[in-house]
């Protein structure tokens, strides 16, 4: 069986490759890279003993299946799914963390990556969109809803009540207290600026400028616009598919598309690194 250090190296290389393409190549990962990382994942996988190999392959199949559903419904890019599968094949079970001695309960490694990447994304979203992106006036005009201090405050109070419950029922560590409060503040900011953040993710382009795998912002389209495109293509939906591109290529009506979305693979890289160093951050809440 391959050494743990070599597996960690493989994880970091794969996560870094996807993050690089996600950030510097407009979220496009070449098929050759995708196939190569999956092949590398299988090579790592077959070095496990038979029982672990079976678990590894079943876990990868489950991730791929769930990821495909998320892709077809427009919530994940195809490249993200392949990255999750590759990472899971390389390291199916969460090992002991380098920096903590917290029990990891033999949970899937990719679960730790999901949790940590999600946490990092929530923390960074208000900073990234409100500081480093420009306002989109057209999207703001179409957006429904306004800033809601009350909604953000209620969310913050809800997290505070949850924190009190955890403290009195289970106990919470200092690290857990800090993590929860930072997350609560970031989530409240997202709630308050939700409409503006969503509008900054979007560009309005003609269908001829769309690419297969793009995600349409259907919430920024009127019923009349949605009906128009549905009448032109049976494959109209949140996910831009090849048949939709073919049916609407010559239409001169712009559609809102998520072109300025925060790079998910960057947070998967962060999640991979932190999962190796500290394990699943949920267990840091334990006193």
C-alpha atoms as a PDB file:
ATOM      1  CA  UNK A   1       0.000   0.000   0.000  1.00  0.00           C
ATOM      2  CA  UNK A   2       1.303   3.456  -0.874  1.00  0.00           C
ATOM      3  CA  UNK A   3       2.606   5.660   1.913  1.00  0.00           C
ATOM      4  CA  UNK A   4       0.376   8.275   3.514  1.00  0.00           C
ATOM      5  CA  UNK A   5       2.751  11.072   2.473  1.00  0.00           C
ATOM      6  CA  UNK A   6       2.498  10.064  -1.177  1.00  0.00           C
ATOM      7  CA  UNK A   7      -1.296  10.116  -0.973  1.00  0.00           C
ATOM      8  CA  UNK A   8      -1.221  13.571   0.597  1.00  0.00           C
ATOM      9  CA  UNK A   9       1.048  14.724  -2.207  1.00  0.00           C
ATOM     10  CA  UNK A  10      -1.394  13.314  -4.765  1.00  0.00           C
ATOM     11  CA  UNK A  11      -4.327  15.090  -3.096  1.00  0.00           C
ATOM     12  CA  UNK A  12      -2.546  18.429  -3.107  1.00  0.00           C
ATOM     13  CA  UNK A  13      -1.428  18.124  -6.720  1.00  0.00           C
ATOM     14  CA  UNK A  14      -4.933  17.247  -7.967  1.00  0.00           C
ATOM     15  CA  UNK A  15      -6.589  20.002  -5.899  1.00  0.00           C
ATOM     16  CA  UNK A  16      -3.994  22.533  -7.045  1.00  0.00           C
ATOM     17  CA  UNK A  17      -4.469  21.608 -10.716  1.00  0.00           C
ATOM     18  CA  UNK A  18      -8.239  22.084 -10.569  1.00  0.00           C
ATOM     19  CA  UNK A  19      -7.902  25.320  -8.596  1.00  0.00           C
ATOM     20  CA  UNK A  20      -5.435  26.641 -11.164  1.00  0.00           C
ATOM     21  CA  UNK A  21      -7.762  25.987 -14.085  1.00  0.00           C
ATOM     22  CA  UNK A  22     -10.766  27.279 -12.142  1.00  0.00           C
ATOM     23  CA  UNK A  23      -9.073  30.582 -11.324  1.00  0.00           C
ATOM     24  CA  UNK A  24      -6.929  31.212 -14.400  1.00  0.00           C
ATOM     25  CA  UNK A  25      -8.837  29.438 -17.184  1.00  0.00           C
ATOM     26  CA  UNK A  26     -12.380  30.727 -16.563  1.00  0.00           C
ATOM     27  CA  UNK A  27     -13.440  27.533 -14.740  1.00  0.00           C
ATOM     28  CA  UNK A  28     -12.678  25.400 -17.811  1.00  0.00           C
ATOM     29  CA  UNK A  29     -10.793  22.184 -17.114  1.00  0.00           C
ATOM     30  CA  UNK A  30      -9.540  20.381 -20.263  1.00  0.00           C
ATOM     31  CA  UNK A  31     -10.875  16.854 -20.747  1.00  0.00           C
ATOM     32  CA  UNK A  32      -7.343  15.459 -20.849  1.00  0.00           C
ATOM     33  CA  UNK A  33      -6.698  16.852 -17.368  1.00  0.00           C
ATOM     34  CA  UNK A  34      -9.986  15.441 -16.080  1.00  0.00           C
ATOM     35  CA  UNK A  35      -9.249  11.966 -17.459  1.00  0.00           C
ATOM     36  CA  UNK A  36      -5.691  12.080 -16.149  1.00  0.00           C
ATOM     37  CA  UNK A  37      -6.742  12.960 -12.589  1.00  0.00           C
ATOM     38  CA  UNK A  38      -9.405  10.227 -12.541  1.00  0.00           C
ATOM     39  CA  UNK A  39      -6.826   7.744 -13.817  1.00  0.00           C
ATOM     40  CA  UNK A  40      -4.398   8.831 -11.099  1.00  0.00           C
ATOM     41  CA  UNK A  41      -7.171   8.394  -8.552  1.00  0.00           C
ATOM     42  CA  UNK A  42      -7.771   4.809  -9.725  1.00  0.00           C
ATOM     43  CA  UNK A  43      -4.051   4.058  -9.558  1.00  0.00           C
ATOM     44  CA  UNK A  44      -3.982   5.199  -5.948  1.00  0.00           C
ATOM     45  CA  UNK A  45      -7.176   3.292  -5.238  1.00  0.00           C
ATOM     46  CA  UNK A  46      -6.021  -0.113  -6.456  1.00  0.00           C
ATOM     47  CA  UNK A  47      -3.102  -0.064  -4.009  1.00  0.00           C
ATOM     48  CA  UNK A  48      -5.545  -0.499  -1.116  1.00  0.00           C
ATOM     49  CA  UNK A  49      -6.421  -3.964   0.270  1.00  0.00           C
ATOM     50  CA  UNK A  50      -9.580  -5.469  -1.248  1.00  0.00           C
ATOM     51  CA  UNK A  51     -12.087  -4.411   1.483  1.00  0.00           C
ATOM     52  CA  UNK A  52     -10.931  -0.779   1.389  1.00  0.00           C
ATOM     53  CA  UNK A  53     -10.744  -0.871  -2.417  1.00  0.00           C
ATOM     54  CA  UNK A  54     -14.408  -1.909  -2.588  1.00  0.00           C
ATOM     55  CA  UNK A  55     -15.403   0.854  -0.193  1.00  0.00           C
ATOM     56  CA  UNK A  56     -13.331   3.366  -2.139  1.00  0.00           C
ATOM     57  CA  UNK A  57     -14.966   2.488  -5.459  1.00  0.00           C
ATOM     58  CA  UNK A  58     -18.489   2.515  -3.985  1.00  0.00           C
ATOM     59  CA  UNK A  59     -17.851   5.892  -2.386  1.00  0.00           C
ATOM     60  CA  UNK A  60     -16.524   7.311  -5.658  1.00  0.00           C
ATOM     61  CA  UNK A  61     -19.574   5.939  -7.485  1.00  0.00           C
ATOM     62  CA  UNK A  62     -21.921   7.532  -4.941  1.00  0.00           C
ATOM     63  CA  UNK A  63     -20.140  10.887  -5.209  1.00  0.00           C
ATOM     64  CA  UNK A  64     -20.224  10.734  -8.992  1.00  0.00           C
ATOM     65  CA  UNK A  65     -23.934   9.852  -9.031  1.00  0.00           C
ATOM     66  CA  UNK A  66     -24.959  12.596  -6.595  1.00  0.00           C
ATOM     67  CA  UNK A  67     -22.658  15.027  -8.367  1.00  0.00           C
ATOM     68  CA  UNK A  68     -24.262  14.218 -11.716  1.00  0.00           C
ATOM     69  CA  UNK A  69     -27.691  15.073 -10.294  1.00  0.00           C
ATOM     70  CA  UNK A  70     -26.277  18.350  -8.932  1.00  0.00           C
ATOM     71  CA  UNK A  71     -24.735  19.062 -12.346  1.00  0.00           C
ATOM     72  CA  UNK A  72     -27.924  18.390 -14.314  1.00  0.00           C
ATOM     73  CA  UNK A  73     -29.890  20.646 -11.966  1.00  0.00           C
ATOM     74  CA  UNK A  74     -27.337  23.404 -12.395  1.00  0.00           C
ATOM     75  CA  UNK A  75     -25.729  23.499  -8.955  1.00  0.00           C
ATOM     76  CA  UNK A  76     -22.273  22.093  -9.737  1.00  0.00           C
ATOM     77  CA  UNK A  77     -19.926  22.223 -12.678  1.00  0.00           C
ATOM     78  CA  UNK A  78     -18.848  18.979 -14.341  1.00  0.00           C
ATOM     79  CA  UNK A  79     -15.218  19.647 -13.411  1.00  0.00           C
ATOM     80  CA  UNK A  80     -16.129  19.915  -9.731  1.00  0.00           C
ATOM     81  CA  UNK A  81     -17.667  16.445  -9.778  1.00  0.00           C
ATOM     82  CA  UNK A  82     -14.600  14.873 -11.361  1.00  0.00           C
ATOM     83  CA  UNK A  83     -12.368  16.598  -8.829  1.00  0.00           C
ATOM     84  CA  UNK A  84     -14.406  15.239  -5.907  1.00  0.00           C
ATOM     85  CA  UNK A  85     -14.272  11.734  -7.380  1.00  0.00           C
ATOM     86  CA  UNK A  86     -10.498  11.916  -7.922  1.00  0.00           C
ATOM     87  CA  UNK A  87      -9.858  13.176  -4.390  1.00  0.00           C
ATOM     88  CA  UNK A  88     -12.067  10.486  -2.894  1.00  0.00           C
ATOM     89  CA  UNK A  89     -10.301   7.752  -4.862  1.00  0.00           C
ATOM     90  CA  UNK A  90      -6.922   8.920  -3.596  1.00  0.00           C
ATOM     91  CA  UNK A  91      -8.018   9.225   0.052  1.00  0.00           C
ATOM     92  CA  UNK A  92     -11.357   7.510   0.834  1.00  0.00           C
ATOM     93  CA  UNK A  93     -11.226   7.724   4.649  1.00  0.00           C
ATOM     94  CA  UNK A  94     -10.320  10.765   6.738  1.00  0.00           C
ATOM     95  CA  UNK A  95      -6.968   9.989   8.397  1.00  0.00           C
ATOM     96  CA  UNK A  96      -5.664  11.406  11.661  1.00  0.00           C
ATOM     97  CA  UNK A  97      -4.895  15.081  11.216  1.00  0.00           C
ATOM     98  CA  UNK A  98      -1.366  16.450  11.332  1.00  0.00           C
ATOM     99  CA  UNK A  99      -2.074  19.211  13.849  1.00  0.00           C
ATOM    100  CA  UNK A 100      -4.849  17.823  16.053  1.00  0.00           C
ATOM    101  CA  UNK A 101      -5.476  14.631  17.929  1.00  0.00           C
ATOM    102  CA  UNK A 102      -9.243  14.771  17.483  1.00  0.00           C
ATOM    103  CA  UNK A 103     -10.939  11.459  16.639  1.00  0.00           C
ATOM    104  CA  UNK A 104     -12.184  11.456  13.028  1.00  0.00           C
ATOM    105  CA  UNK A 105     -14.485   8.403  13.365  1.00  0.00           C
ATOM    106  CA  UNK A 106     -13.422   6.901  10.008  1.00  0.00           C
ATOM    107  CA  UNK A 107     -15.685   9.256   8.067  1.00  0.00           C
ATOM    108  CA  UNK A 108     -15.072   9.804   4.340  1.00  0.00           C
ATOM    109  CA  UNK A 109     -12.270  12.255   3.640  1.00  0.00           C
ATOM    110  CA  UNK A 110     -14.340  13.995   0.985  1.00  0.00           C
ATOM    111  CA  UNK A 111     -16.947  14.812   3.661  1.00  0.00           C
ATOM    112  CA  UNK A 112     -14.292  16.777   5.545  1.00  0.00           C
ATOM    113  CA  UNK A 113     -13.385  18.569   2.328  1.00  0.00           C
ATOM    114  CA  UNK A 114     -17.060  19.460   1.656  1.00  0.00           C
ATOM    115  CA  UNK A 115     -17.540  20.876   5.154  1.00  0.00           C
ATOM    116  CA  UNK A 116     -14.300  22.834   5.264  1.00  0.00           C
ATOM    117  CA  UNK A 117     -14.604  24.152   1.700  1.00  0.00           C
ATOM    118  CA  UNK A 118     -18.177  25.246   2.416  1.00  0.00           C
ATOM    119  CA  UNK A 119     -17.098  27.018   5.581  1.00  0.00           C
ATOM    120  CA  UNK A 120     -14.293  28.835   3.757  1.00  0.00           C
ATOM    121  CA  UNK A 121     -16.646  29.837   0.928  1.00  0.00           C
ATOM    122  CA  UNK A 122     -19.195  31.367   3.315  1.00  0.00           C
ATOM    123  CA  UNK A 123     -16.438  33.362   5.028  1.00  0.00           C
ATOM    124  CA  UNK A 124     -14.996  34.642   1.751  1.00  0.00           C
ATOM    125  CA  UNK A 125     -18.211  35.304  -0.217  1.00  0.00           C
ATOM    126  CA  UNK A 126     -19.117  38.718   1.242  1.00  0.00           C
ATOM    127  CA  UNK A 127     -15.502  39.870   1.022  1.00  0.00           C
ATOM    128  CA  UNK A 128     -15.021  38.671  -2.554  1.00  0.00           C
ATOM    129  CA  UNK A 129     -18.273  39.979  -4.007  1.00  0.00           C
ATOM    130  CA  UNK A 130     -18.634  43.233  -2.096  1.00  0.00           C
ATOM    131  CA  UNK A 131     -14.982  44.304  -2.349  1.00  0.00           C
ATOM    132  CA  UNK A 132     -13.499  42.752  -5.494  1.00  0.00           C
ATOM    133  CA  UNK A 133     -16.417  42.725  -7.957  1.00  0.00           C
ATOM    134  CA  UNK A 134     -18.302  45.535  -9.666  1.00  0.00           C
ATOM    135  CA  UNK A 135     -21.990  46.315  -9.440  1.00  0.00           C
ATOM    136  CA  UNK A 136     -24.201  45.103 -12.264  1.00  0.00           C
ATOM    137  CA  UNK A 137     -26.913  47.720 -12.747  1.00  0.00           C
ATOM    138  CA  UNK A 138     -28.985  45.612 -15.141  1.00  0.00           C
ATOM    139  CA  UNK A 139     -28.991  42.651 -12.737  1.00  0.00           C
ATOM    140  CA  UNK A 140     -29.800  44.914  -9.788  1.00  0.00           C
ATOM    141  CA  UNK A 141     -32.840  46.288 -11.622  1.00  0.00           C
ATOM    142  CA  UNK A 142     -34.151  42.788 -12.204  1.00  0.00           C
ATOM    143  CA  UNK A 143     -33.375  41.488  -8.718  1.00  0.00           C
ATOM    144  CA  UNK A 144     -36.264  41.124  -6.333  1.00  0.00           C
ATOM    145  CA  UNK A 145     -35.827  41.908  -2.666  1.00  0.00           C
ATOM    146  CA  UNK A 146     -33.970  44.535  -0.700  1.00  0.00           C
ATOM    147  CA  UNK A 147     -31.398  44.567   2.046  1.00  0.00           C
ATOM    148  CA  UNK A 148     -32.982  43.214   5.208  1.00  0.00           C
ATOM    149  CA  UNK A 149     -31.327  44.110   8.480  1.00  0.00           C
ATOM    150  CA  UNK A 150     -34.112  42.274  10.327  1.00  0.00           C
ATOM    151  CA  UNK A 151     -33.530  39.026   8.408  1.00  0.00           C
ATOM    152  CA  UNK A 152     -29.773  39.244   8.981  1.00  0.00           C
ATOM    153  CA  UNK A 153     -30.290  39.984  12.685  1.00  0.00           C
ATOM    154  CA  UNK A 154     -32.670  37.038  13.082  1.00  0.00           C
ATOM    155  CA  UNK A 155     -30.127  34.759  11.436  1.00  0.00           C
ATOM    156  CA  UNK A 156     -27.434  36.000  13.818  1.00  0.00           C
ATOM    157  CA  UNK A 157     -29.745  35.451  16.810  1.00  0.00           C
ATOM    158  CA  UNK A 158     -30.527  31.925  15.560  1.00  0.00           C
ATOM    159  CA  UNK A 159     -26.833  31.058  15.476  1.00  0.00           C
ATOM    160  CA  UNK A 160     -26.410  32.519  18.955  1.00  0.00           C
ATOM    161  CA  UNK A 161     -29.234  30.348  20.293  1.00  0.00           C
ATOM    162  CA  UNK A 162     -27.705  27.309  18.582  1.00  0.00           C
ATOM    163  CA  UNK A 163     -24.371  28.146  20.182  1.00  0.00           C
ATOM    164  CA  UNK A 164     -25.970  28.358  23.630  1.00  0.00           C
ATOM    165  CA  UNK A 165     -27.727  25.027  23.066  1.00  0.00           C
ATOM    166  CA  UNK A 166     -24.488  23.312  22.020  1.00  0.00           C
ATOM    167  CA  UNK A 167     -22.625  24.761  25.000  1.00  0.00           C
ATOM    168  CA  UNK A 168     -25.179  23.612  27.574  1.00  0.00           C
ATOM    169  CA  UNK A 169     -25.930  20.220  26.014  1.00  0.00           C
ATOM    170  CA  UNK A 170     -22.566  19.075  24.680  1.00  0.00           C
ATOM    171  CA  UNK A 171     -20.006  21.711  25.515  1.00  0.00           C
ATOM    172  CA  UNK A 172     -17.990  23.646  22.979  1.00  0.00           C
ATOM    173  CA  UNK A 173     -14.282  24.309  22.600  1.00  0.00           C
ATOM    174  CA  UNK A 174     -12.719  27.743  22.284  1.00  0.00           C
ATOM    175  CA  UNK A 175     -11.878  26.952  18.654  1.00  0.00           C
ATOM    176  CA  UNK A 176     -15.478  25.912  18.056  1.00  0.00           C
ATOM    177  CA  UNK A 177     -16.772  29.121  19.624  1.00  0.00           C
ATOM    178  CA  UNK A 178     -14.573  31.236  17.347  1.00  0.00           C
ATOM    179  CA  UNK A 179     -15.469  29.211  14.243  1.00  0.00           C
ATOM    180  CA  UNK A 180     -19.185  29.474  14.966  1.00  0.00           C
ATOM    181  CA  UNK A 181     -19.138  33.227  15.589  1.00  0.00           C
ATOM    182  CA  UNK A 182     -17.121  33.961  12.447  1.00  0.00           C
ATOM    183  CA  UNK A 183     -19.451  31.763  10.388  1.00  0.00           C
ATOM    184  CA  UNK A 184     -22.537  33.407  11.908  1.00  0.00           C
ATOM    185  CA  UNK A 185     -21.287  36.915  11.083  1.00  0.00           C
ATOM    186  CA  UNK A 186     -20.420  35.948   7.491  1.00  0.00           C
ATOM    187  CA  UNK A 187     -23.762  34.196   6.957  1.00  0.00           C
ATOM    188  CA  UNK A 188     -25.588  37.259   8.283  1.00  0.00           C
ATOM    189  CA  UNK A 189     -23.684  39.510   5.873  1.00  0.00           C
ATOM    190  CA  UNK A 190     -24.624  37.214   2.989  1.00  0.00           C
ATOM    191  CA  UNK A 191     -28.244  37.366   4.099  1.00  0.00           C
ATOM    192  CA  UNK A 192     -28.185  41.164   4.298  1.00  0.00           C
ATOM    193  CA  UNK A 193     -26.418  41.692   0.959  1.00  0.00           C
ATOM    194  CA  UNK A 194     -27.866  38.593  -0.729  1.00  0.00           C
ATOM    195  CA  UNK A 195     -29.576  40.403  -3.600  1.00  0.00           C
ATOM    196  CA  UNK A 196     -26.528  42.518  -4.386  1.00  0.00           C
ATOM    197  CA  UNK A 197     -24.155  39.552  -4.175  1.00  0.00           C
ATOM    198  CA  UNK A 198     -26.331  37.532  -6.544  1.00  0.00           C
ATOM    199  CA  UNK A 199     -26.474  40.398  -9.048  1.00  0.00           C
ATOM    200  CA  UNK A 200     -22.675  40.737  -9.055  1.00  0.00           C
ATOM    201  CA  UNK A 201     -22.287  37.117 -10.131  1.00  0.00           C
ATOM    202  CA  UNK A 202     -24.147  37.729 -13.383  1.00  0.00           C
ATOM    203  CA  UNK A 203     -23.402  38.949 -16.897  1.00  0.00           C
ATOM    204  CA  UNK A 204     -25.971  39.436 -19.664  1.00  0.00           C
ATOM    205  CA  UNK A 205     -24.869  37.829 -22.934  1.00  0.00           C
ATOM    206  CA  UNK A 206     -26.370  36.644 -26.206  1.00  0.00           C
ATOM    207  CA  UNK A 207     -26.939  32.876 -26.494  1.00  0.00           C
ATOM    208  CA  UNK A 208     -24.165  32.695 -29.096  1.00  0.00           C
ATOM    209  CA  UNK A 209     -21.719  33.717 -26.342  1.00  0.00           C
ATOM    210  CA  UNK A 210     -22.813  30.969 -23.961  1.00  0.00           C
ATOM    211  CA  UNK A 211     -20.800  27.799 -23.405  1.00  0.00           C
ATOM    212  CA  UNK A 212     -21.966  24.301 -22.605  1.00  0.00           C
ATOM    213  CA  UNK A 213     -22.080  23.923 -18.834  1.00  0.00           C
ATOM    214  CA  UNK A 214     -22.840  27.583 -18.115  1.00  0.00           C
ATOM    215  CA  UNK A 215     -25.464  28.292 -15.448  1.00  0.00           C
ATOM    216  CA  UNK A 216     -28.320  30.662 -16.251  1.00  0.00           C
ATOM    217  CA  UNK A 217     -29.697  32.996 -13.574  1.00  0.00           C
ATOM    218  CA  UNK A 218     -33.351  32.093 -14.094  1.00  0.00           C
ATOM    219  CA  UNK A 219     -34.353  34.214 -11.101  1.00  0.00           C
ATOM    220  CA  UNK A 220     -33.347  37.304 -13.093  1.00  0.00           C
ATOM    221  CA  UNK A 221     -35.489  36.417 -16.098  1.00  0.00           C
ATOM    222  CA  UNK A 222     -39.118  37.441 -16.497  1.00  0.00           C
ATOM    223  CA  UNK A 223     -41.841  34.865 -17.113  1.00  0.00           C
ATOM    224  CA  UNK A 224     -42.166  36.201 -20.640  1.00  0.00           C
ATOM    225  CA  UNK A 225     -38.436  35.680 -21.298  1.00  0.00           C
ATOM    226  CA  UNK A 226     -38.527  32.164 -19.858  1.00  0.00           C
ATOM    227  CA  UNK A 227     -41.568  31.281 -21.976  1.00  0.00           C
ATOM    228  CA  UNK A 228     -39.846  32.672 -25.072  1.00  0.00           C
ATOM    229  CA  UNK A 229     -36.736  30.516 -24.635  1.00  0.00           C
ATOM    230  CA  UNK A 230     -38.763  27.454 -23.668  1.00  0.00           C
ATOM    231  CA  UNK A 231     -40.664  27.812 -26.934  1.00  0.00           C
ATOM    232  CA  UNK A 232     -37.366  27.873 -28.826  1.00  0.00           C
ATOM    233  CA  UNK A 233     -35.677  24.959 -27.063  1.00  0.00           C
ATOM    234  CA  UNK A 234     -37.000  21.970 -25.138  1.00  0.00           C
ATOM    235  CA  UNK A 235     -33.672  21.795 -23.278  1.00  0.00           C
ATOM    236  CA  UNK A 236     -33.980  25.241 -21.751  1.00  0.00           C
ATOM    237  CA  UNK A 237     -33.143  25.259 -18.047  1.00  0.00           C
ATOM    238  CA  UNK A 238     -30.644  26.433 -15.479  1.00  0.00           C
ATOM    239  CA  UNK A 239     -27.902  24.308 -17.046  1.00  0.00           C
ATOM    240  CA  UNK A 240     -26.855  25.314 -20.570  1.00  0.00           C
ATOM    241  CA  UNK A 241     -26.726  22.168 -22.710  1.00  0.00           C
ATOM    242  CA  UNK A 242     -25.459  21.625 -26.237  1.00  0.00           C
ATOM    243  CA  UNK A 243     -28.925  21.308 -27.762  1.00  0.00           C
ATOM    244  CA  UNK A 244     -29.965  24.634 -26.212  1.00  0.00           C
ATOM    245  CA  UNK A 245     -26.924  26.323 -27.746  1.00  0.00           C
ATOM    246  CA  UNK A 246     -27.814  24.892 -31.147  1.00  0.00           C
ATOM    247  CA  UNK A 247     -31.476  25.965 -30.894  1.00  0.00           C
ATOM    248  CA  UNK A 248     -30.789  29.540 -29.740  1.00  0.00           C
ATOM    249  CA  UNK A 249     -27.490  30.390 -31.408  1.00  0.00           C
ATOM    250  CA  UNK A 250     -28.990  33.089 -33.651  1.00  0.00           C
ATOM    251  CA  UNK A 251     -31.351  34.674 -31.136  1.00  0.00           C
ATOM    252  CA  UNK A 252     -30.520  38.289 -30.338  1.00  0.00           C
ATOM    253  CA  UNK A 253     -31.961  38.429 -26.834  1.00  0.00           C
ATOM    254  CA  UNK A 254     -29.554  38.473 -23.911  1.00  0.00           C
ATOM    255  CA  UNK A 255     -29.792  36.064 -21.006  1.00  0.00           C
ATOM    256  CA  UNK A 256     -28.282  36.359 -17.500  1.00  0.00           C
ATOM    257  CA  UNK A 257     -25.504  33.876 -16.881  1.00  0.00           C
ATOM    258  CA  UNK A 258     -23.329  33.270 -13.831  1.00  0.00           C
ATOM    259  CA  UNK A 259     -19.945  34.305 -15.201  1.00  0.00           C
ATOM    260  CA  UNK A 260     -18.496  35.929 -12.077  1.00  0.00           C
ATOM    261  CA  UNK A 261     -19.092  33.102  -9.646  1.00  0.00           C
ATOM    262  CA  UNK A 262     -16.454  32.591  -6.996  1.00  0.00           C
ATOM    263  CA  UNK A 263     -14.095  29.734  -8.042  1.00  0.00           C
ATOM    264  CA  UNK A 264     -15.278  26.626  -6.176  1.00  0.00           C
ATOM    265  CA  UNK A 265     -12.093  24.634  -6.824  1.00  0.00           C
ATOM    266  CA  UNK A 266     -10.095  27.272  -4.926  1.00  0.00           C
ATOM    267  CA  UNK A 267     -12.126  26.468  -1.813  1.00  0.00           C
ATOM    268  CA  UNK A 268     -11.825  22.749  -2.453  1.00  0.00           C
ATOM    269  CA  UNK A 269      -8.046  23.288  -2.353  1.00  0.00           C
ATOM    270  CA  UNK A 270      -8.409  25.107   0.969  1.00  0.00           C
ATOM    271  CA  UNK A 271     -10.718  22.354   2.220  1.00  0.00           C
ATOM    272  CA  UNK A 272      -8.219  19.670   1.187  1.00  0.00           C
ATOM    273  CA  UNK A 273      -5.311  21.382   2.943  1.00  0.00           C
ATOM    274  CA  UNK A 274      -7.246  22.038   6.150  1.00  0.00           C
ATOM    275  CA  UNK A 275      -8.727  18.528   6.189  1.00  0.00           C
ATOM    276  CA  UNK A 276      -5.185  17.132   6.064  1.00  0.00           C
ATOM    277  CA  UNK A 277      -3.937  19.513   8.772  1.00  0.00           C
ATOM    278  CA  UNK A 278      -6.844  19.629  11.246  1.00  0.00           C
ATOM    279  CA  UNK A 279      -9.324  17.011  10.039  1.00  0.00           C
ATOM    280  CA  UNK A 280     -13.046  17.692   9.865  1.00  0.00           C
ATOM    281  CA  UNK A 281     -13.560  21.140  11.375  1.00  0.00           C
ATOM    282  CA  UNK A 282     -16.891  20.019  12.894  1.00  0.00           C
ATOM    283  CA  UNK A 283     -14.900  17.956  15.404  1.00  0.00           C
ATOM    284  CA  UNK A 284     -13.034  21.085  16.534  1.00  0.00           C
ATOM    285  CA  UNK A 285     -16.261  22.081  18.290  1.00  0.00           C
ATOM    286  CA  UNK A 286     -15.814  19.207  20.707  1.00  0.00           C
ATOM    287  CA  UNK A 287     -14.350  20.196  24.072  1.00  0.00           C
END
